[in-house]
PDB file of N, CA and C in Angstrom:
ATOM      1  N   MET A   1      11.690  10.744   4.002  1.00  0.00           N
ATOM      2  CA  MET A   1      13.092  11.001   4.214  1.00  0.00           C
ATOM      3  C   MET A   1      13.827  10.712   2.903  1.00  0.00           C
ATOM      4  N   GLN A   2      14.640  11.632   2.471  1.00  0.00           N
ATOM      5  CA  GLN A   2      15.427  11.437   1.259  1.00  0.00           C
ATOM      6  C   GLN A   2      16.799  10.897   1.629  1.00  0.00           C
ATOM      7  N   TYR A   3      17.191   9.840   0.945  1.00  0.00           N
ATOM      8  CA  TYR A   3      18.458   9.188   1.243  1.00  0.00           C
ATOM      9  C   TYR A   3      19.622  10.162   1.134  1.00  0.00           C
ATOM     10  N   LYS A   4      19.558  11.040   0.153  1.00  0.00           N
ATOM     11  CA  LYS A   4      20.634  12.010  -0.082  1.00  0.00           C
ATOM     12  C   LYS A   4      20.880  12.898   1.144  1.00  0.00           C
ATOM     13  N   LEU A   5      19.825  13.176   1.882  1.00  0.00           N
ATOM     14  CA  LEU A   5      19.942  14.083   3.028  1.00  0.00           C
ATOM     15  C   LEU A   5      20.239  13.374   4.342  1.00  0.00           C
ATOM     16  N   CYS A   6      20.336  12.039   4.321  1.00  0.00           N
ATOM     17  CA  CYS A   6      20.559  11.272   5.545  1.00  0.00           C
ATOM     18  C   CYS A   6      21.988  11.423   6.056  1.00  0.00           C
ATOM     19  N   THR A   7      22.075  11.543   7.366  1.00  0.00           N
ATOM     20  CA  THR A   7      23.390  11.540   8.016  1.00  0.00           C
ATOM     21  C   THR A   7      23.746  10.092   8.352  1.00  0.00           C
ATOM     22  N   ASP A   8      24.972   9.875   8.816  1.00  0.00           N
ATOM     23  CA  ASP A   8      25.368   8.520   9.230  1.00  0.00           C
ATOM     24  C   ASP A   8      24.477   8.020  10.369  1.00  0.00           C
ATOM     25  N   ALA A   9      24.084   8.916  11.259  1.00  0.00           N
ATOM     26  CA  ALA A   9      23.208   8.535  12.372  1.00  0.00           C
ATOM     27  C   ALA A   9      21.834   8.113  11.844  1.00  0.00           C
ATOM     28  N   ASP A  10      21.341   8.815  10.829  1.00  0.00           N
ATOM     29  CA  ASP A  10      20.057   8.444  10.225  1.00  0.00           C
ATOM     30  C   ASP A  10      20.124   7.047   9.628  1.00  0.00           C
ATOM     31  N   ILE A  11      21.194   6.753   8.905  1.00  0.00           N
ATOM     32  CA  ILE A  11      21.361   5.442   8.271  1.00  0.00           C
ATOM     33  C   ILE A  11      21.435   4.349   9.330  1.00  0.00           C
ATOM     34  N   GLN A  12      22.160   4.605  10.419  1.00  0.00           N
ATOM     35  CA  GLN A  12      22.249   3.614  11.499  1.00  0.00           C
ATOM     36  C   GLN A  12      20.878   3.368  12.124  1.00  0.00           C
ATOM     37  N   LEU A  13      20.102   4.426  12.300  1.00  0.00           N
ATOM     38  CA  LEU A  13      18.764   4.287  12.860  1.00  0.00           C
ATOM     39  C   LEU A  13      17.883   3.438  11.949  1.00  0.00           C
ATOM     40  N   ILE A  14      17.909   3.736  10.643  1.00  0.00           N
ATOM     41  CA  ILE A  14      17.109   2.972   9.680  1.00  0.00           C
ATOM     42  C   ILE A  14      17.528   1.505   9.686  1.00  0.00           C
ATOM     43  N   ARG A  15      18.820   1.251   9.667  1.00  0.00           N
ATOM     44  CA  ARG A  15      19.311  -0.134   9.653  1.00  0.00           C
ATOM     45  C   ARG A  15      18.955  -0.879  10.935  1.00  0.00           C
ATOM     46  N   SER A  16      18.836  -0.161  12.041  1.00  0.00           N
ATOM     47  CA  SER A  16      18.478  -0.818  13.303  1.00  0.00           C
ATOM     48  C   SER A  16      17.023  -1.270  13.316  1.00  0.00           C
ATOM     49  N   HIS A  17      16.229  -0.799  12.360  1.00  0.00           N
ATOM     50  CA  HIS A  17      14.814  -1.156  12.295  1.00  0.00           C
ATOM     51  C   HIS A  17      14.506  -2.198  11.222  1.00  0.00           C
ATOM     52  N   ILE A  18      15.529  -2.786  10.618  1.00  0.00           N
ATOM     53  CA  ILE A  18      15.322  -3.821   9.609  1.00  0.00           C
ATOM     54  C   ILE A  18      15.092  -5.144  10.325  1.00  0.00           C
ATOM     55  N   ALA A  19      13.946  -5.764  10.042  1.00  0.00           N
ATOM     56  CA  ALA A  19      13.610  -7.036  10.683  1.00  0.00           C
ATOM     57  C   ALA A  19      14.458  -8.159  10.108  1.00  0.00           C
ATOM     58  N   GLY A  20      14.657  -9.186  10.907  1.00  0.00           N
ATOM     59  CA  GLY A  20      15.433 -10.318  10.425  1.00  0.00           C
ATOM     60  C   GLY A  20      15.460 -11.459  11.418  1.00  0.00           C
ATOM     61  N   HIS A  21      16.137 -12.531  11.033  1.00  0.00           N
ATOM     62  CA  HIS A  21      16.233 -13.718  11.874  1.00  0.00           C
ATOM     63  C   HIS A  21      17.463 -13.691  12.781  1.00  0.00           C
ATOM     64  N   VAL A  22      18.319 -12.712  12.614  1.00  0.00           N
ATOM     65  CA  VAL A  22      19.545 -12.604  13.397  1.00  0.00           C
ATOM     66  C   VAL A  22      19.203 -12.078  14.795  1.00  0.00           C
ATOM     67  N   ALA A  23      19.933 -12.548  15.786  1.00  0.00           N
ATOM     68  CA  ALA A  23      19.713 -12.082  17.156  1.00  0.00           C
ATOM     69  C   ALA A  23      19.869 -10.564  17.229  1.00  0.00           C
ATOM     70  N   GLY A  24      18.979  -9.918  17.951  1.00  0.00           N
ATOM     71  CA  GLY A  24      19.033  -8.471  18.118  1.00  0.00           C
ATOM     72  C   GLY A  24      18.243  -7.704  17.066  1.00  0.00           C
ATOM     73  N   LYS A  25      17.789  -8.368  16.010  1.00  0.00           N
ATOM     74  CA  LYS A  25      16.981  -7.716  14.975  1.00  0.00           C
ATOM     75  C   LYS A  25      15.510  -7.783  15.365  1.00  0.00           C
ATOM     76  N   PRO A  26      14.740  -6.758  15.018  1.00  0.00           N
ATOM     77  CA  PRO A  26      13.292  -6.816  15.296  1.00  0.00           C
ATOM     78  C   PRO A  26      12.655  -7.998  14.563  1.00  0.00           C
ATOM     79  N   LYS A  27      11.634  -8.590  15.155  1.00  0.00           N
ATOM     80  CA  LYS A  27      10.899  -9.710  14.565  1.00  0.00           C
ATOM     81  C   LYS A  27       9.501  -9.220  14.177  1.00  0.00           C
ATOM     82  N   LEU A  28       9.105  -9.454  12.934  1.00  0.00           N
ATOM     83  CA  LEU A  28       7.785  -9.010  12.477  1.00  0.00           C
ATOM     84  C   LEU A  28       6.653  -9.694  13.230  1.00  0.00           C
ATOM     85  N   SER A  29       6.937 -10.820  13.852  1.00  0.00           N
ATOM     86  CA  SER A  29       5.905 -11.534  14.593  1.00  0.00           C
ATOM     87  C   SER A  29       5.661 -10.935  15.979  1.00  0.00           C
ATOM     88  N   ALA A  30       6.475  -9.972  16.385  1.00  0.00           N
ATOM     89  CA  ALA A  30       6.307  -9.343  17.697  1.00  0.00           C
ATOM     90  C   ALA A  30       4.985  -8.574  17.755  1.00  0.00           C
ATOM     91  N   ASN A  31       4.351  -8.586  18.911  1.00  0.00           N
ATOM     92  CA  ASN A  31       3.058  -7.920  19.094  1.00  0.00           C
ATOM     93  C   ASN A  31       3.077  -6.461  18.678  1.00  0.00           C
ATOM     94  N   LYS A  32       4.182  -5.774  18.925  1.00  0.00           N
ATOM     95  CA  LYS A  32       4.214  -4.336  18.628  1.00  0.00           C
ATOM     96  C   LYS A  32       4.147  -4.033  17.133  1.00  0.00           C
ATOM     97  N   PHE A  33       4.363  -5.028  16.285  1.00  0.00           N
ATOM     98  CA  PHE A  33       4.290  -4.817  14.843  1.00  0.00           C
ATOM     99  C   PHE A  33       2.986  -5.305  14.228  1.00  0.00           C
ATOM    100  N   TRP A  34       2.050  -5.773  15.030  1.00  0.00           N
ATOM    101  CA  TRP A  34       0.829  -6.357  14.490  1.00  0.00           C
ATOM    102  C   TRP A  34       0.001  -5.383  13.675  1.00  0.00           C
ATOM    103  N   HIS A  35      -0.096  -4.134  14.079  1.00  0.00           N
ATOM    104  CA  HIS A  35      -0.996  -3.191  13.408  1.00  0.00           C
ATOM    105  C   HIS A  35      -0.253  -1.951  12.907  1.00  0.00           C
ATOM    106  N   VAL A  36       0.938  -2.141  12.381  1.00  0.00           N
ATOM    107  CA  VAL A  36       1.707  -1.018  11.860  1.00  0.00           C
ATOM    108  C   VAL A  36       2.032  -1.247  10.385  1.00  0.00           C
ATOM    109  N   SER A  37       2.316  -0.170   9.689  1.00  0.00           N
ATOM    110  CA  SER A  37       2.721  -0.267   8.290  1.00  0.00           C
ATOM    111  C   SER A  37       4.139  -0.807   8.208  1.00  0.00           C
ATOM    112  N   ILE A  38       4.383  -1.606   7.189  1.00  0.00           N
ATOM    113  CA  ILE A  38       5.695  -2.209   7.000  1.00  0.00           C
ATOM    114  C   ILE A  38       6.176  -1.892   5.589  1.00  0.00           C
ATOM    115  N   ILE A  39       7.416  -1.457   5.457  1.00  0.00           N
ATOM    116  CA  ILE A  39       8.011  -1.164   4.158  1.00  0.00           C
ATOM    117  C   ILE A  39       8.754  -2.407   3.692  1.00  0.00           C
ATOM    118  N   THR A  40       8.475  -2.827   2.461  1.00  0.00           N
ATOM    119  CA  THR A  40       9.150  -3.996   1.904  1.00  0.00           C
ATOM    120  C   THR A  40       9.769  -3.639   0.560  1.00  0.00           C
ATOM    121  N   ALA A  41      10.714  -4.445   0.131  1.00  0.00           N
ATOM    122  CA  ALA A  41      11.383  -4.196  -1.150  1.00  0.00           C
ATOM    123  C   ALA A  41      10.526  -4.645  -2.324  1.00  0.00           C
ATOM    124  N   LEU A  42       9.712  -5.672  -2.122  1.00  0.00           N
ATOM    125  CA  LEU A  42       8.920  -6.221  -3.217  1.00  0.00           C
ATOM    126  C   LEU A  42       7.422  -6.084  -2.935  1.00  0.00           C
ATOM    127  N   ASN A  43       6.661  -5.706  -3.957  1.00  0.00           N
ATOM    128  CA  ASN A  43       5.217  -5.576  -3.789  1.00  0.00           C
ATOM    129  C   ASN A  43       4.564  -6.902  -3.423  1.00  0.00           C
ATOM    130  N   SER A  44       5.092  -8.011  -3.937  1.00  0.00           N
ATOM    131  CA  SER A  44       4.501  -9.312  -3.621  1.00  0.00           C
ATOM    132  C   SER A  44       4.610  -9.598  -2.121  1.00  0.00           C
ATOM    133  N   HIS A  45       5.707  -9.205  -1.499  1.00  0.00           N
ATOM    134  CA  HIS A  45       5.854  -9.371  -0.049  1.00  0.00           C
ATOM    135  C   HIS A  45       4.875  -8.470   0.686  1.00  0.00           C
ATOM    136  N   HIS A  46       4.777  -7.235   0.228  1.00  0.00           N
ATOM    137  CA  HIS A  46       3.872  -6.254   0.834  1.00  0.00           C
ATOM    138  C   HIS A  46       2.430  -6.750   0.751  1.00  0.00           C
ATOM    139  N   ASP A  47       2.031  -7.286  -0.398  1.00  0.00           N
ATOM    140  CA  ASP A  47       0.667  -7.780  -0.582  1.00  0.00           C
ATOM    141  C   ASP A  47       0.357  -8.935   0.359  1.00  0.00           C
ATOM    142  N   LYS A  48       1.289  -9.866   0.493  1.00  0.00           N
ATOM    143  CA  LYS A  48       1.058 -11.017   1.373  1.00  0.00           C
ATOM    144  C   LYS A  48       0.993 -10.580   2.834  1.00  0.00           C
ATOM    145  N   ILE A  49       1.874  -9.672   3.239  1.00  0.00           N
ATOM    146  CA  ILE A  49       1.846  -9.163   4.617  1.00  0.00           C
ATOM    147  C   ILE A  49       0.513  -8.473   4.878  1.00  0.00           C
ATOM    148  N   ASN A  50       0.044  -7.651   3.936  1.00  0.00           N
ATOM    149  CA  ASN A  50      -1.242  -6.973   4.101  1.00  0.00           C
ATOM    150  C   ASN A  50      -2.394  -7.963   4.187  1.00  0.00           C
ATOM    151  N   GLU A  51      -2.326  -9.012   3.361  1.00  0.00           N
ATOM    152  CA  GLU A  51      -3.386 -10.023   3.373  1.00  0.00           C
ATOM    153  C   GLU A  51      -3.479 -10.686   4.750  1.00  0.00           C
ATOM    154  N   LEU A  52      -2.352 -11.131   5.270  1.00  0.00           N
ATOM    155  CA  LEU A  52      -2.343 -11.803   6.565  1.00  0.00           C
ATOM    156  C   LEU A  52      -2.662 -10.843   7.710  1.00  0.00           C
ATOM    157  N   ALA A  53      -2.116  -9.640   7.629  1.00  0.00           N
ATOM    158  CA  ALA A  53      -2.324  -8.660   8.701  1.00  0.00           C
ATOM    159  C   ALA A  53      -3.773  -8.182   8.755  1.00  0.00           C
ATOM    160  N   SER A  54      -4.419  -8.053   7.613  1.00  0.00           N
ATOM    161  CA  SER A  54      -5.809  -7.591   7.618  1.00  0.00           C
ATOM    162  C   SER A  54      -6.727  -8.638   8.253  1.00  0.00           C
ATOM    163  N   ILE A  55      -6.431  -9.911   8.021  1.00  0.00           N
ATOM    164  CA  ILE A  55      -7.213 -10.980   8.657  1.00  0.00           C
ATOM    165  C   ILE A  55      -7.037 -10.920  10.172  1.00  0.00           C
ATOM    166  N   ARG A  56      -5.796 -10.765  10.617  1.00  0.00           N
ATOM    167  CA  ARG A  56      -5.525 -10.679  12.060  1.00  0.00           C
ATOM    168  C   ARG A  56      -6.177  -9.433  12.661  1.00  0.00           C
ATOM    169  N   PHE A  57      -6.075  -8.297  11.971  1.00  0.00           N
ATOM    170  CA  PHE A  57      -6.642  -7.049  12.477  1.00  0.00           C
ATOM    171  C   PHE A  57      -8.159  -7.175  12.648  1.00  0.00           C
ATOM    172  N   ALA A  58      -8.829  -7.730  11.633  1.00  0.00           N
ATOM    173  CA  ALA A  58     -10.281  -7.897  11.715  1.00  0.00           C
ATOM    174  C   ALA A  58     -10.648  -8.808  12.886  1.00  0.00           C
ATOM    175  N   SER A  59      -9.881  -9.863  13.071  1.00  0.00           N
ATOM    176  CA  SER A  59     -10.128 -10.786  14.179  1.00  0.00           C
ATOM    177  C   SER A  59      -9.911 -10.090  15.520  1.00  0.00           C
ATOM    178  N   ASP A  60      -8.827  -9.342  15.655  1.00  0.00           N
ATOM    179  CA  ASP A  60      -8.532  -8.637  16.905  1.00  0.00           C
ATOM    180  C   ASP A  60      -9.602  -7.600  17.248  1.00  0.00           C
ATOM    181  N   MET A  61     -10.178  -6.981  16.229  1.00  0.00           N
ATOM    182  CA  MET A  61     -11.175  -5.932  16.432  1.00  0.00           C
ATOM    183  C   MET A  61     -12.612  -6.473  16.427  1.00  0.00           C
ATOM    184  N   ASN A  62     -12.729  -7.794  16.308  1.00  0.00           N
ATOM    185  CA  ASN A  62     -14.057  -8.440  16.245  1.00  0.00           C
ATOM    186  C   ASN A  62     -14.923  -7.843  15.138  1.00  0.00           C
ATOM    187  N   GLU A  63     -14.329  -7.657  13.998  1.00  0.00           N
ATOM    188  CA  GLU A  63     -15.028  -7.113  12.829  1.00  0.00           C
ATOM    189  C   GLU A  63     -14.987  -8.125  11.696  1.00  0.00           C
ATOM    190  N   ALA A  64     -16.002  -8.081  10.847  1.00  0.00           N
ATOM    191  CA  ALA A  64     -16.018  -8.940   9.663  1.00  0.00           C
ATOM    192  C   ALA A  64     -15.119  -8.313   8.595  1.00  0.00           C
ATOM    193  N   LEU A  65     -14.386  -9.154   7.920  1.00  0.00           N
ATOM    194  CA  LEU A  65     -13.502  -8.679   6.863  1.00  0.00           C
ATOM    195  C   LEU A  65     -14.200  -8.870   5.522  1.00  0.00           C
ATOM    196  N   MET A  66     -14.359  -7.782   4.775  1.00  0.00           N
ATOM    197  CA  MET A  66     -15.018  -7.850   3.485  1.00  0.00           C
ATOM    198  C   MET A  66     -13.968  -7.742   2.388  1.00  0.00           C
ATOM    199  N   MET A  67     -13.898  -8.725   1.521  1.00  0.00           N
ATOM    200  CA  MET A  67     -12.927  -8.725   0.428  1.00  0.00           C
ATOM    201  C   MET A  67     -13.597  -8.194  -0.835  1.00  0.00           C
ATOM    202  N   PHE A  68     -12.908  -7.366  -1.570  1.00  0.00           N
ATOM    203  CA  PHE A  68     -13.413  -6.898  -2.854  1.00  0.00           C
ATOM    204  C   PHE A  68     -12.238  -6.667  -3.784  1.00  0.00           C
ATOM    205  N   TYR A  69     -12.506  -6.681  -5.041  1.00  0.00           N
ATOM    206  CA  TYR A  69     -11.483  -6.501  -6.059  1.00  0.00           C
ATOM    207  C   TYR A  69     -12.011  -5.540  -7.116  1.00  0.00           C
ATOM    208  N   SER A  70     -11.138  -4.753  -7.676  1.00  0.00           N
ATOM    209  CA  SER A  70     -11.529  -3.887  -8.783  1.00  0.00           C
ATOM    210  C   SER A  70     -11.202  -4.587 -10.093  1.00  0.00           C
ATOM    211  N   ILE A  71     -11.987  -4.283 -11.101  1.00  0.00           N
ATOM    212  CA  ILE A  71     -11.749  -4.845 -12.427  1.00  0.00           C
ATOM    213  C   ILE A  71     -11.367  -3.687 -13.329  1.00  0.00           C
ATOM    214  N   ASP A  72     -10.135  -3.687 -13.759  1.00  0.00           N
ATOM    215  CA  ASP A  72      -9.633  -2.631 -14.615  1.00  0.00           C
ATOM    216  C   ASP A  72      -9.744  -3.053 -16.071  1.00  0.00           C
ATOM    217  N   LYS A  73      -9.851  -2.078 -16.939  1.00  0.00           N
ATOM    218  CA  LYS A  73      -9.861  -2.383 -18.364  1.00  0.00           C
ATOM    219  C   LYS A  73      -9.062  -1.311 -19.087  1.00  0.00           C
ATOM    220  N   TRP A  74      -8.558  -1.678 -20.233  1.00  0.00           N
ATOM    221  CA  TRP A  74      -7.808  -0.740 -21.057  1.00  0.00           C
ATOM    222  C   TRP A  74      -8.750   0.269 -21.672  1.00  0.00           C
ATOM    223  N   LYS A  75      -8.299   1.483 -21.824  1.00  0.00           N
ATOM    224  CA  LYS A  75      -9.058   2.537 -22.474  1.00  0.00           C
ATOM    225  C   LYS A  75      -9.203   2.184 -23.955  1.00  0.00           C
ATOM    226  N   THR A  76     -10.389   2.402 -24.501  1.00  0.00           N
ATOM    227  CA  THR A  76     -10.629   2.084 -25.913  1.00  0.00           C
ATOM    228  C   THR A  76     -10.935   3.344 -26.698  1.00  0.00           C
ATOM    229  N   GLN A  77     -10.965   3.209 -28.007  1.00  0.00           N
ATOM    230  CA  GLN A  77     -11.312   4.331 -28.880  1.00  0.00           C
ATOM    231  C   GLN A  77     -12.753   4.759 -28.626  1.00  0.00           C
ATOM    232  N   GLU A  78     -13.622   3.801 -28.314  1.00  0.00           N
ATOM    233  CA  GLU A  78     -15.028   4.117 -28.029  1.00  0.00           C
ATOM    234  C   GLU A  78     -15.146   5.031 -26.815  1.00  0.00           C
ATOM    235  N   ASP A  79     -14.293   4.829 -25.813  1.00  0.00           N
ATOM    236  CA  ASP A  79     -14.305   5.695 -24.635  1.00  0.00           C
ATOM    237  C   ASP A  79     -14.025   7.135 -25.035  1.00  0.00           C
ATOM    238  N   ASP A  80     -13.039   7.333 -25.918  1.00  0.00           N
ATOM    239  CA  ASP A  80     -12.710   8.678 -26.390  1.00  0.00           C
ATOM    240  C   ASP A  80     -13.866   9.282 -27.169  1.00  0.00           C
ATOM    241  N   ASN A  81     -14.517   8.473 -28.012  1.00  0.00           N
ATOM    242  CA  ASN A  81     -15.641   8.961 -28.808  1.00  0.00           C
ATOM    243  C   ASN A  81     -16.800   9.397 -27.927  1.00  0.00           C
ATOM    244  N   GLU A  82     -17.086   8.637 -26.867  1.00  0.00           N
ATOM    245  CA  GLU A  82     -18.164   8.980 -25.945  1.00  0.00           C
ATOM    246  C   GLU A  82     -17.876  10.306 -25.248  1.00  0.00           C
ATOM    247  N   LYS A  83     -16.639  10.517 -24.865  1.00  0.00           N
ATOM    248  CA  LYS A  83     -16.264  11.776 -24.203  1.00  0.00           C
ATOM    249  C   LYS A  83     -16.442  12.956 -25.153  1.00  0.00           C
ATOM    250  N   GLN A  84     -16.077  12.775 -26.412  1.00  0.00           N
ATOM    251  CA  GLN A  84     -16.220  13.843 -27.396  1.00  0.00           C
ATOM    252  C   GLN A  84     -17.689  14.173 -27.621  1.00  0.00           C
ATOM    253  N   LYS A  85     -18.549  13.172 -27.663  1.00  0.00           N
ATOM    254  CA  LYS A  85     -19.976  13.407 -27.845  1.00  0.00           C
ATOM    255  C   LYS A  85     -20.548  14.196 -26.675  1.00  0.00           C
ATOM    256  N   SER A  86     -20.154  13.868 -25.466  1.00  0.00           N
ATOM    257  CA  SER A  86     -20.688  14.561 -24.298  1.00  0.00           C
ATOM    258  C   SER A  86     -20.201  16.000 -24.246  1.00  0.00           C
ATOM    259  N   VAL A  87     -19.006  16.266 -24.748  1.00  0.00           N
ATOM    260  CA  VAL A  87     -18.487  17.637 -24.768  1.00  0.00           C
ATOM    261  C   VAL A  87     -19.288  18.487 -25.743  1.00  0.00           C
ATOM    262  N   LYS A  88     -19.667  17.921 -26.883  1.00  0.00           N
ATOM    263  CA  LYS A  88     -20.424  18.664 -27.895  1.00  0.00           C
ATOM    264  C   LYS A  88     -21.801  19.040 -27.396  1.00  0.00           C
ATOM    265  N   LYS A  89     -22.374  18.268 -26.470  1.00  0.00           N
ATOM    266  CA  LYS A  89     -23.711  18.545 -25.950  1.00  0.00           C
ATOM    267  C   LYS A  89     -23.696  19.706 -24.954  1.00  0.00           C
ATOM    268  N   THR A  90     -22.531  20.048 -24.441  1.00  0.00           N
ATOM    269  CA  THR A  90     -22.417  21.140 -23.482  1.00  0.00           C
ATOM    270  C   THR A  90     -22.625  22.472 -24.199  1.00  0.00           C
ATOM    271  N   ILE A  91     -23.493  23.295 -23.648  1.00  0.00           N
ATOM    272  CA  ILE A  91     -23.782  24.589 -24.275  1.00  0.00           C
ATOM    273  C   ILE A  91     -23.193  25.697 -23.421  1.00  0.00           C
ATOM    274  N   ASP A  92     -22.489  26.593 -24.053  1.00  0.00           N
ATOM    275  CA  ASP A  92     -21.919  27.753 -23.366  1.00  0.00           C
ATOM    276  C   ASP A  92     -22.966  28.847 -23.334  1.00  0.00           C
ATOM    277  N   PRO A  93     -23.448  29.242 -22.163  1.00  0.00           N
ATOM    278  CA  PRO A  93     -24.526  30.235 -22.072  1.00  0.00           C
ATOM    279  C   PRO A  93     -24.108  31.633 -22.555  1.00  0.00           C
ATOM    280  N   LEU A  94     -22.816  31.893 -22.639  1.00  0.00           N
ATOM    281  CA  LEU A  94     -22.388  33.215 -23.081  1.00  0.00           C
ATOM    282  C   LEU A  94     -22.283  33.221 -24.576  1.00  0.00           C
TER     283      LEU A  94
END
């Protein structure tokens, strides 16, 4: 949904779905929010919610939770050189 195209009714609907501690606001701890995607303003909040929710989801589904991490590295000049060497080995049959 693009904000520019939202009507006043759309904005009211979106605002009615913002969780909070005020009476009448949805609570993230409610059962209906246990296995749904949540939009947050900060990635750090999103990451923590995902961390906690994935543990709960695995427990609810009686599944083992496997943690893994990727290791990223900066591209180097050697990477470019290797790509150039592999391109030169390619032979055009025509």
